[in-house]
Amino acid sequence: MVERRFAELKTFVLLRMNFFKGKTTIVRLQWMIWIAVFLIIFFSLLPEDGPGHAIVFSTTSVAFYILVIYGNIKFLYPRFWETGKRVQYVIGVIILLVGGGLGRGYLLIWLANQLVVTASQRETMTFSMALNFVIAGVLNYMLSFVFRIALAYFSLKQQAEEILLQKSQAELNLLKSQVQPHFLFNTLNNIYYEAYREAPRTAALIERLSDIMRYFVDESPKDEVSMQTEVSFIENYIALEKIRIRHKTDITFVKEYNAEARIPPMLLMTFVENIFKHGIDKSSKENKIEISLIQQEGFLLFQTCNRIHPVASKEESHGFGIENLRKRLTMLYGTKFELNIECDGQTFTAFLKVPIS
């Protein structure tokens, strides 16, 4: 079953990747639109004005459209309207439309006088002509919002495609690690039964290792797991870490929670990992760790406290784990969480408070 799903998903991802490589980007789409607009104007002018004049006038018109549309959606709207500066935005739009419209009008009349008409037929700008050019700018201004909505829709559609591809790729990578996982678990179980007769303590550690690996395969890909599952994972991790410490470690783990409550997987492990990475002196007999996990009034309170040892404090620690945890918490809970780190020179305390259902 897993192998068939793996093959199906691999085919799907390859097809998606091939499609994604060849599909139109937003920039390419805009180039296509403006080229199409240029060609429409060019071929409408070509029969009467000829190719040279049609190119000049088409280029001028397209440049004006680009000025009005992008001047609004890329500069004025995000810089003034979206920041609450409505008066400045209106003034900017008026300057853009009047200035752009009159500039386009004077330029077109000048080009016509230079390239098309004779000296006796030359035109000058009149009020009605100037008004028409400004009105044309207003129409382009209104069209800019349609253009903006179209670009936003295309961008969201493209992001959705990318997210779908990433999700499929992630699922494919997960399935790669899950091909015949039962072989590994069954092998560990066989080793466990063999070891149980000769070394029961070793067998118990093998069982914990098997549970941890099963957690990574079956539980960690989920959006949420039960509190009991998460706590069991932490306890198994602590048990395996303790065998690497030369002397006995005093670990206190206070637990008061609803076993059926749900929590994102691996949310608490950063603190526990940091304890054994930076808060343990393997040569000391005075390692003391305090961990508390308490569910209270709709919140989960998790705290770890450990002594700071001279050897551990000298180890290089950039805090990437805590920083990544903070980013993940922001994505999951927005501002509805607390994450505090305190270090007084002798003890290191980490505290996390998140809502829980």
Protein backbone atom coordinates (compact mmCIF):
# COMPACT_ATOMS: atom_id res chain seq x y z
CA MET A 1 0.00 0.00 0.00
CA VAL A 2 2.77 2.42 0.95
CA GLU A 3 4.80 1.49 -2.13
CA ARG A 4 1.82 2.08 -4.46
CA ARG A 5 1.07 5.45 -2.82
CA PHE A 6 4.76 6.34 -3.16
CA ALA A 7 4.72 5.58 -6.89
CA GLU A 8 1.49 7.53 -7.45
CA LEU A 9 2.73 10.55 -5.56
CA LYS A 10 6.10 10.49 -7.31
CA THR A 11 4.36 10.58 -10.69
CA PHE A 12 2.12 13.43 -9.53
CA VAL A 13 5.06 15.50 -8.25
CA LEU A 14 7.04 14.98 -11.46
CA LEU A 15 4.08 16.09 -13.57
CA ARG A 16 3.53 19.12 -11.35
CA MET A 17 7.20 20.09 -11.51
CA ASN A 18 7.25 19.82 -15.30
CA PHE A 19 4.10 21.92 -15.51
CA PHE A 20 5.44 24.45 -13.02
CA LYS A 21 8.71 24.92 -14.94
CA GLY A 22 6.90 25.89 -18.10
CA LYS A 23 4.08 27.94 -16.70
CA THR A 24 3.74 31.69 -17.03
CA THR A 25 5.17 33.86 -14.28
CA ILE A 26 3.54 37.13 -13.24
CA VAL A 27 6.27 39.18 -14.93
CA ARG A 28 5.96 37.18 -18.13
CA LEU A 29 2.18 37.55 -18.05
CA GLN A 30 2.46 41.32 -17.82
CA TRP A 31 4.88 41.42 -20.74
CA MET A 32 2.40 39.38 -22.77
CA ILE A 33 -0.44 41.79 -21.89
CA TRP A 34 1.48 44.90 -22.88
CA ILE A 35 2.74 43.35 -26.09
CA ALA A 36 -0.86 42.44 -26.94
CA VAL A 37 -2.02 46.02 -26.22
CA PHE A 38 0.80 47.40 -28.36
CA LEU A 39 -0.11 45.11 -31.27
CA ILE A 40 -3.80 46.05 -31.07
CA ILE A 41 -3.00 49.75 -31.24
CA PHE A 42 -0.34 49.22 -33.90
CA PHE A 43 -2.58 47.27 -36.29
CA SER A 44 -5.45 49.73 -35.78
CA LEU A 45 -3.17 52.62 -36.87
CA LEU A 46 -1.25 50.75 -39.56
CA PRO A 47 -3.72 51.13 -42.49
CA GLU A 48 -3.82 54.96 -42.29
CA ASP A 49 -0.47 55.96 -40.76
CA GLY A 50 1.96 53.34 -42.08
CA PRO A 51 4.35 51.16 -40.05
CA GLY A 52 6.75 53.90 -38.90
CA HIS A 53 4.11 56.24 -37.54
CA ALA A 54 2.08 53.35 -36.11
CA ILE A 55 5.10 52.14 -34.10
CA VAL A 56 5.79 55.63 -32.70
CA PHE A 57 2.19 56.36 -31.70
CA SER A 58 1.60 52.85 -30.32
CA THR A 59 4.73 53.06 -28.19
CA THR A 60 3.70 56.47 -26.83
CA SER A 61 0.19 55.28 -25.92
CA VAL A 62 1.40 52.09 -24.25
CA ALA A 63 3.99 54.08 -22.27
CA PHE A 64 1.21 56.35 -21.01
CA TYR A 65 -0.97 53.40 -19.99
CA ILE A 66 1.97 51.86 -18.13
CA LEU A 67 2.70 55.17 -16.38
CA VAL A 68 -0.86 55.58 -15.10
CA ILE A 69 -1.50 51.95 -14.16
CA TYR A 70 1.81 51.18 -12.46
CA GLY A 71 2.09 54.67 -11.02
CA ASN A 72 -1.14 53.97 -9.17
CA ILE A 73 -0.90 50.30 -8.16
CA LYS A 74 2.85 50.17 -7.51
CA PHE A 75 3.56 53.61 -6.05
CA LEU A 76 0.61 55.80 -5.02
CA TYR A 77 -1.81 53.15 -3.72
CA PRO A 78 0.63 51.15 -1.50
CA ARG A 79 2.59 54.20 -0.33
CA PHE A 80 -0.31 56.52 0.52
CA TRP A 81 -3.76 54.84 0.49
CA GLU A 82 -2.76 51.65 2.30
CA THR A 83 -0.88 53.64 4.94
CA GLY A 84 -3.88 55.88 5.66
CA LYS A 85 -2.57 58.98 3.85
CA ARG A 86 -5.76 59.48 1.84
CA VAL A 87 -5.34 63.20 1.10
CA GLN A 88 -1.80 62.70 -0.20
CA TYR A 89 -3.08 59.83 -2.32
CA VAL A 90 -5.81 61.97 -3.96
CA ILE A 91 -3.31 64.77 -4.65
CA GLY A 92 -0.88 62.26 -6.14
CA VAL A 93 -3.58 60.77 -8.40
CA ILE A 94 -4.57 64.23 -9.65
CA ILE A 95 -0.95 65.09 -10.43
CA LEU A 96 -0.47 61.74 -12.16
CA LEU A 97 -3.60 62.02 -14.32
CA VAL A 98 -3.31 65.70 -15.24
CA GLY A 99 0.45 65.61 -15.72
CA GLY A 100 0.44 62.30 -17.56
CA GLY A 101 -2.57 63.23 -19.72
CA LEU A 102 -1.20 66.62 -20.75
CA GLY A 103 2.25 65.15 -21.29
CA ARG A 104 0.82 62.47 -23.54
CA GLY A 105 -1.28 65.05 -25.44
CA TYR A 106 1.58 67.44 -26.08
CA LEU A 107 3.88 64.59 -27.09
CA LEU A 108 1.36 63.11 -29.56
CA ILE A 109 0.64 66.52 -31.10
CA TRP A 110 4.36 67.21 -31.44
CA LEU A 111 4.96 63.81 -33.04
CA ALA A 112 2.04 64.34 -35.42
CA ASN A 113 3.37 67.75 -36.41
CA GLN A 114 6.82 66.36 -36.99
CA LEU A 115 5.96 63.10 -38.75
CA VAL A 116 2.47 63.24 -40.25
CA VAL A 117 1.09 66.67 -41.16
CA THR A 118 2.55 69.47 -43.22
CA ALA A 119 3.61 72.86 -41.81
CA SER A 120 0.30 74.44 -42.76
CA GLN A 121 -1.71 71.66 -41.05
CA ARG A 122 0.06 71.67 -37.72
CA GLU A 123 -2.15 71.46 -34.65
CA THR A 124 -1.91 73.10 -31.25
CA MET A 125 -3.26 71.92 -27.92
CA THR A 126 -6.78 73.17 -27.14
CA PHE A 127 -8.73 72.98 -23.90
CA SER A 128 -11.10 70.33 -25.25
CA MET A 129 -8.17 68.21 -26.46
CA ALA A 130 -6.43 68.54 -23.08
CA LEU A 131 -9.66 67.56 -21.31
CA ASN A 132 -10.02 64.47 -23.53
CA PHE A 133 -6.47 63.37 -22.73
CA VAL A 134 -7.07 63.80 -18.99
CA ILE A 135 -10.38 61.85 -19.22
CA ALA A 136 -8.53 59.09 -21.04
CA GLY A 137 -6.13 59.05 -18.09
CA VAL A 138 -9.07 58.70 -15.67
CA LEU A 139 -10.30 55.66 -17.58
CA ASN A 140 -6.84 54.13 -17.40
CA TYR A 141 -6.74 54.94 -13.69
CA MET A 142 -9.97 52.98 -13.16
CA LEU A 143 -8.60 50.17 -15.29
CA SER A 144 -5.54 50.02 -13.01
CA PHE A 145 -7.68 48.56 -10.19
CA VAL A 146 -8.92 45.81 -12.48
CA PHE A 147 -5.31 45.20 -13.44
CA ARG A 148 -4.32 45.07 -9.76
CA ILE A 149 -7.08 42.58 -8.92
CA ALA A 150 -6.08 40.40 -11.87
CA LEU A 151 -2.44 40.39 -10.78
CA ALA A 152 -3.42 39.60 -7.18
CA TYR A 153 -5.60 36.71 -8.35
CA PHE A 154 -2.85 35.32 -10.56
CA SER A 155 -0.32 35.69 -7.72
CA LEU A 156 -2.60 33.84 -5.27
CA LYS A 157 -3.23 31.11 -7.82
CA GLN A 158 0.49 30.74 -8.38
CA GLN A 159 1.14 30.59 -4.63
CA ALA A 160 -1.56 27.95 -4.27
CA GLU A 161 0.15 25.89 -6.97
CA GLU A 162 3.50 26.27 -5.20
CA ILE A 163 2.01 25.29 -1.85
CA LEU A 164 0.37 22.25 -3.42
CA LEU A 165 3.66 21.26 -5.00
CA GLN A 166 5.55 21.74 -1.74
CA LYS A 167 2.92 19.74 0.15
CA SER A 168 3.15 16.94 -2.39
CA GLN A 169 6.94 17.03 -2.28
CA ALA A 170 6.90 16.92 1.52
CA GLU A 171 4.50 13.98 1.44
CA LEU A 172 6.74 12.27 -1.09
CA ASN A 173 9.78 12.80 1.13
CA LEU A 174 7.83 11.41 4.06
CA LEU A 175 6.80 8.35 2.09
CA LYS A 176 10.43 7.81 1.08
CA SER A 177 11.23 7.47 4.76
CA GLN A 178 8.20 5.23 5.31
CA VAL A 179 8.82 2.60 2.65
CA GLN A 180 8.69 -0.67 4.54
CA PRO A 181 8.87 0.95 8.01
CA HIS A 182 7.42 -2.19 9.55
CA PHE A 183 10.59 -4.05 8.66
CA LEU A 184 12.53 -1.78 11.00
CA PHE A 185 9.94 -1.94 13.78
CA ASN A 186 9.61 -5.71 13.53
CA THR A 187 13.39 -6.04 13.64
CA LEU A 188 13.55 -3.88 16.75
CA ASN A 189 10.82 -5.98 18.34
CA ASN A 190 12.76 -9.16 17.61
CA ILE A 191 15.89 -7.62 19.13
CA TYR A 192 13.82 -6.53 22.12
CA TYR A 193 12.60 -10.09 22.81
CA GLU A 194 16.11 -11.48 22.43
CA ALA A 195 17.55 -8.84 24.75
CA TYR A 196 14.76 -9.20 27.30
CA ARG A 197 15.95 -12.67 28.31
CA GLU A 198 19.56 -11.59 28.81
CA ALA A 199 19.36 -7.86 29.69
CA PRO A 200 15.89 -6.55 30.61
CA ARG A 201 17.17 -2.97 31.07
CA THR A 202 18.64 -2.93 27.58
CA ALA A 203 15.38 -4.36 26.21
CA ALA A 204 13.44 -1.53 27.85
CA LEU A 205 15.70 1.03 26.16
CA ILE A 206 15.21 -0.68 22.80
CA GLU A 207 11.46 -0.46 23.34
CA ARG A 208 11.73 3.26 24.04
CA LEU A 209 13.82 3.76 20.90
CA SER A 210 11.19 1.90 18.89
CA ASP A 211 8.46 4.14 20.33
CA ILE A 212 10.44 7.27 19.42
CA MET A 213 10.94 6.10 15.85
CA ARG A 214 7.27 5.20 15.57
CA TYR A 215 6.40 8.69 16.82
CA PHE A 216 8.52 10.28 14.07
CA VAL A 217 6.90 8.11 11.39
CA ASP A 218 3.27 8.06 12.54
CA GLU A 219 2.70 11.14 14.72
CA SER A 220 5.09 13.97 13.79
CA PRO A 221 3.55 14.54 10.31
CA LYS A 222 0.16 15.26 11.92
CA ASP A 223 -1.08 18.77 12.71
CA GLU A 224 -1.87 17.78 16.29
CA VAL A 225 -1.25 14.86 18.63
CA SER A 226 -2.66 14.00 22.04
CA MET A 227 -0.89 15.28 25.13
CA GLN A 228 -0.32 11.71 26.27
CA THR A 229 1.46 10.89 23.02
CA GLU A 230 3.66 13.99 23.29
CA VAL A 231 4.52 13.35 26.94
CA SER A 232 5.40 9.72 26.21
CA PHE A 233 7.72 10.89 23.47
CA ILE A 234 9.46 13.33 25.85
CA GLU A 235 9.80 10.67 28.55
CA ASN A 236 11.31 8.19 26.08
CA TYR A 237 13.75 10.85 24.90
CA ILE A 238 14.80 11.66 28.47
CA ALA A 239 15.28 7.96 29.28
CA LEU A 240 17.60 7.48 26.30
CA GLU A 241 19.55 10.65 27.04
CA LYS A 242 20.13 9.57 30.65
CA ILE A 243 22.17 6.54 29.57
CA ARG A 244 24.73 8.92 28.02
CA ILE A 245 25.34 10.63 31.39
CA ARG A 246 28.03 9.12 33.59
CA HIS A 247 26.42 9.94 36.97
CA LYS A 248 22.83 9.82 38.11
CA THR A 249 20.82 12.88 37.13
CA ASP A 250 18.11 14.30 39.37
CA ILE A 251 15.15 14.89 37.05
CA THR A 252 11.80 16.10 38.37
CA PHE A 253 8.91 16.01 35.90
CA VAL A 254 5.62 17.44 37.21
CA LYS A 255 2.62 16.60 34.99
CA GLU A 256 -0.95 17.85 35.36
CA TYR A 257 -2.84 17.71 32.07
CA ASN A 258 -5.75 16.21 30.17
CA ALA A 259 -4.34 13.23 28.28
CA GLU A 260 -6.82 13.75 25.41
CA ALA A 261 -5.97 17.44 24.87
CA ARG A 262 -4.37 18.19 21.51
CA ILE A 263 -1.08 19.95 20.80
CA PRO A 264 1.14 20.41 17.73
CA PRO A 265 3.83 17.70 17.68
CA MET A 266 7.40 18.46 18.76
CA LEU A 267 6.35 21.80 20.27
CA LEU A 268 7.98 21.18 23.65
CA MET A 269 11.06 19.29 22.53
CA THR A 270 13.25 22.34 21.92
CA PHE A 271 13.44 23.07 25.65
CA VAL A 272 14.13 19.43 26.53
CA GLU A 273 16.82 19.10 23.87
CA ASN A 274 18.52 22.27 25.10
CA ILE A 275 18.71 20.83 28.61
CA PHE A 276 20.73 17.82 27.50
CA LYS A 277 22.73 19.79 24.96
CA HIS A 278 23.72 22.78 27.12
CA GLY A 279 22.47 22.16 30.67
CA ILE A 280 24.20 18.90 31.54
CA ASP A 281 27.77 18.34 32.70
CA LYS A 282 28.34 14.63 32.03
CA SER A 283 31.24 14.52 34.49
CA SER A 284 29.33 16.20 37.35
CA LYS A 285 27.31 14.52 40.07
CA GLU A 286 25.19 17.64 40.61
CA ASN A 287 22.98 17.71 37.54
CA LYS A 288 19.48 18.76 38.53
CA ILE A 289 16.63 19.26 36.08
CA GLU A 290 13.11 20.46 36.82
CA ILE A 291 10.34 20.14 34.25
CA SER A 292 6.69 21.03 34.76
CA LEU A 293 3.79 20.57 32.36
CA ILE A 294 0.53 21.97 33.70
CA GLN A 295 -2.79 22.53 31.95
CA GLN A 296 -4.66 25.41 33.54
CA GLU A 297 -7.70 27.48 32.46
CA GLY A 298 -7.42 26.75 28.75
CA PHE A 299 -3.65 27.16 28.62
CA LEU A 300 -0.70 24.79 28.72
CA LEU A 301 2.18 25.95 30.93
CA PHE A 302 5.52 24.29 30.22
CA GLN A 303 8.68 25.18 32.10
CA THR A 304 12.17 23.75 32.30
CA CYS A 305 14.90 24.75 34.75
CA ASN A 306 18.48 23.51 34.94
CA ARG A 307 21.76 24.56 36.49
CA ILE A 308 24.39 26.23 34.37
CA HIS A 309 27.68 24.35 34.45
CA PRO A 310 30.99 25.96 33.46
CA VAL A 311 31.63 23.35 30.80
CA ALA A 312 28.15 23.63 29.30
CA SER A 313 28.18 27.43 29.36
CA LYS A 314 31.35 27.51 27.27
CA GLU A 315 29.73 25.47 24.52
CA GLU A 316 28.78 27.52 21.52
CA SER A 317 25.04 28.11 21.32
CA HIS A 318 23.50 30.46 18.78
CA GLY A 319 19.92 29.99 19.98
CA PHE A 320 18.66 28.88 16.59
CA GLY A 321 16.35 26.33 18.22
CA ILE A 322 14.59 28.93 20.37
CA GLU A 323 14.39 31.37 17.47
CA ASN A 324 12.88 28.73 15.18
CA LEU A 325 10.44 27.78 17.94
CA ARG A 326 9.37 31.42 18.28
CA LYS A 327 8.70 31.62 14.54
CA ARG A 328 6.68 28.40 14.66
CA LEU A 329 4.66 29.65 17.64
CA THR A 330 3.90 32.87 15.78
CA MET A 331 2.64 30.90 12.80
CA LEU A 332 0.50 28.66 15.03
CA TYR A 333 -0.85 31.12 17.61
CA GLY A 334 -0.14 34.64 16.33
CA THR A 335 0.34 36.72 19.48
CA LYS A 336 -1.58 34.35 21.78
CA PHE A 337 1.46 32.75 23.41
CA GLU A 338 4.21 33.55 25.89
CA LEU A 339 7.83 32.49 25.51
CA ASN A 340 10.30 33.66 28.15
CA ILE A 341 13.94 32.75 28.62
CA GLU A 342 15.75 33.72 31.83
CA CYS A 343 19.37 33.20 32.82
CA ASP A 344 20.70 34.51 36.14
CA GLY A 345 24.20 33.06 35.80
CA GLN A 346 23.46 29.97 37.88
CA THR A 347 20.21 28.61 36.46
CA PHE A 348 18.59 28.64 33.05
CA THR A 349 14.79 28.79 32.94
CA ALA A 350 12.56 28.50 29.88
CA PHE A 351 8.81 29.12 30.07
CA LEU A 352 6.14 28.57 27.44
CA LYS A 353 2.41 29.31 27.64
CA VAL A 354 0.09 28.36 24.76
CA PRO A 355 -3.68 27.98 24.41
CA ILE A 356 -4.90 24.39 24.34
CA SER A 357 -8.23 22.78 23.60
